[in-house]
Protein backbone atom coordinates (compact mmCIF):
# COMPACT_ATOMS: atom_id res chain seq x y z
CA UNK A 1 -25.87 -34.69 -25.48
CA UNK A 2 -28.46 -35.62 -28.02
CA UNK A 3 -28.66 -39.12 -29.42
CA UNK A 4 -26.96 -39.62 -32.77
CA UNK A 5 -28.82 -41.53 -35.43
CA UNK A 6 -26.98 -44.18 -37.39
CA UNK A 7 -26.30 -43.34 -41.00
CA UNK A 8 -25.06 -45.45 -43.87
CA UNK A 9 -22.59 -44.60 -46.58
CA UNK A 10 -23.95 -43.15 -49.78
CA UNK A 11 -23.40 -45.13 -52.99
CA UNK A 12 -20.70 -42.59 -53.93
CA UNK A 13 -18.91 -43.08 -50.60
CA UNK A 14 -19.09 -46.85 -51.00
CA UNK A 15 -17.61 -46.61 -54.49
CA UNK A 16 -14.83 -44.32 -53.25
CA UNK A 17 -14.01 -46.83 -50.49
CA UNK A 18 -13.84 -49.69 -52.99
CA UNK A 19 -11.71 -47.66 -55.40
CA UNK A 20 -9.40 -45.84 -52.97
CA UNK A 21 -9.45 -48.01 -49.84
CA UNK A 22 -10.72 -45.20 -47.63
CA UNK A 23 -13.62 -42.80 -47.33
CA UNK A 24 -13.94 -39.55 -45.42
CA UNK A 25 -16.95 -39.57 -43.13
CA UNK A 26 -17.54 -36.14 -41.62
CA UNK A 27 -19.04 -35.96 -38.13
CA UNK A 28 -18.87 -39.75 -37.70
CA UNK A 29 -18.76 -39.16 -33.94
CA UNK A 30 -18.98 -36.10 -31.69
CA UNK A 31 -16.02 -33.70 -31.49
CA UNK A 32 -15.91 -34.26 -27.71
CA UNK A 33 -15.09 -37.93 -28.29
CA UNK A 34 -12.26 -37.06 -30.69
CA UNK A 35 -10.83 -34.54 -28.23
CA UNK A 36 -10.96 -37.08 -25.38
CA UNK A 37 -9.17 -39.70 -27.50
CA UNK A 38 -6.53 -37.17 -28.58
CA UNK A 39 -5.91 -36.25 -24.93
CA UNK A 40 -5.61 -39.94 -24.02
CA UNK A 41 -3.14 -40.68 -26.83
CA UNK A 42 -0.92 -37.68 -26.01
CA UNK A 43 -0.90 -38.62 -22.32
CA UNK A 44 -0.09 -42.31 -22.94
CA UNK A 45 2.38 -42.20 -25.85
CA UNK A 46 6.03 -41.53 -24.97
CA UNK A 47 6.10 -38.39 -27.12
CA UNK A 48 5.77 -34.66 -26.68
CA UNK A 49 2.97 -33.07 -28.73
CA UNK A 50 4.97 -29.84 -28.92
CA UNK A 51 8.19 -31.52 -30.15
CA UNK A 52 7.92 -33.25 -33.52
CA UNK A 53 11.39 -34.73 -33.12
CA UNK A 54 9.88 -37.14 -30.56
CA UNK A 55 7.41 -38.45 -33.16
CA UNK A 56 9.94 -40.73 -34.87
CA UNK A 57 8.10 -44.02 -34.49
CA UNK A 58 5.07 -44.63 -36.67
CA UNK A 59 3.24 -46.80 -34.16
CA UNK A 60 2.74 -46.76 -30.41
CA UNK A 61 0.73 -49.21 -28.36
CA UNK A 62 -1.64 -47.46 -25.99
CA UNK A 63 -2.34 -49.77 -23.07
CA UNK A 64 -4.99 -47.62 -21.46
CA UNK A 65 -8.55 -48.52 -22.35
CA UNK A 66 -10.52 -46.19 -24.56
CA UNK A 67 -13.35 -46.72 -22.10
CA UNK A 68 -11.95 -44.11 -19.73
CA UNK A 69 -14.28 -41.81 -17.80
CA UNK A 70 -13.33 -38.88 -20.05
CA UNK A 71 -14.22 -40.71 -23.23
CA UNK A 72 -17.32 -42.40 -21.79
CA UNK A 73 -18.42 -39.04 -20.44
CA UNK A 74 -17.92 -37.40 -23.82
CA UNK A 75 -20.03 -40.09 -25.48
CA UNK A 76 -22.74 -40.70 -22.91
CA UNK A 77 -22.62 -37.71 -20.57
CA UNK A 78 -21.37 -37.35 -17.02
CA UNK A 79 -23.67 -40.04 -15.67
CA UNK A 80 -22.06 -42.79 -17.76
CA UNK A 81 -19.50 -43.70 -15.11
CA UNK A 82 -22.40 -45.03 -13.04
CA UNK A 83 -23.55 -47.49 -15.71
């Protein structure tokens, strides 16, 4: 995976954040990282991704660290577990 350079918000994005309380930042991190986090959340939360009726609560506490091998691997590559 190639290194990602850090970017800052544009003045327009900053203004939107101040005005609306949020800003959409596309490609803020690699898709692989998002997919790894999604897999972790679905595996740890007591809900079924295929059954919306199990999604009643608005908040779940995920005890598992986001520093799992899958997520670290997605960010840093397969060799990251040896760091």
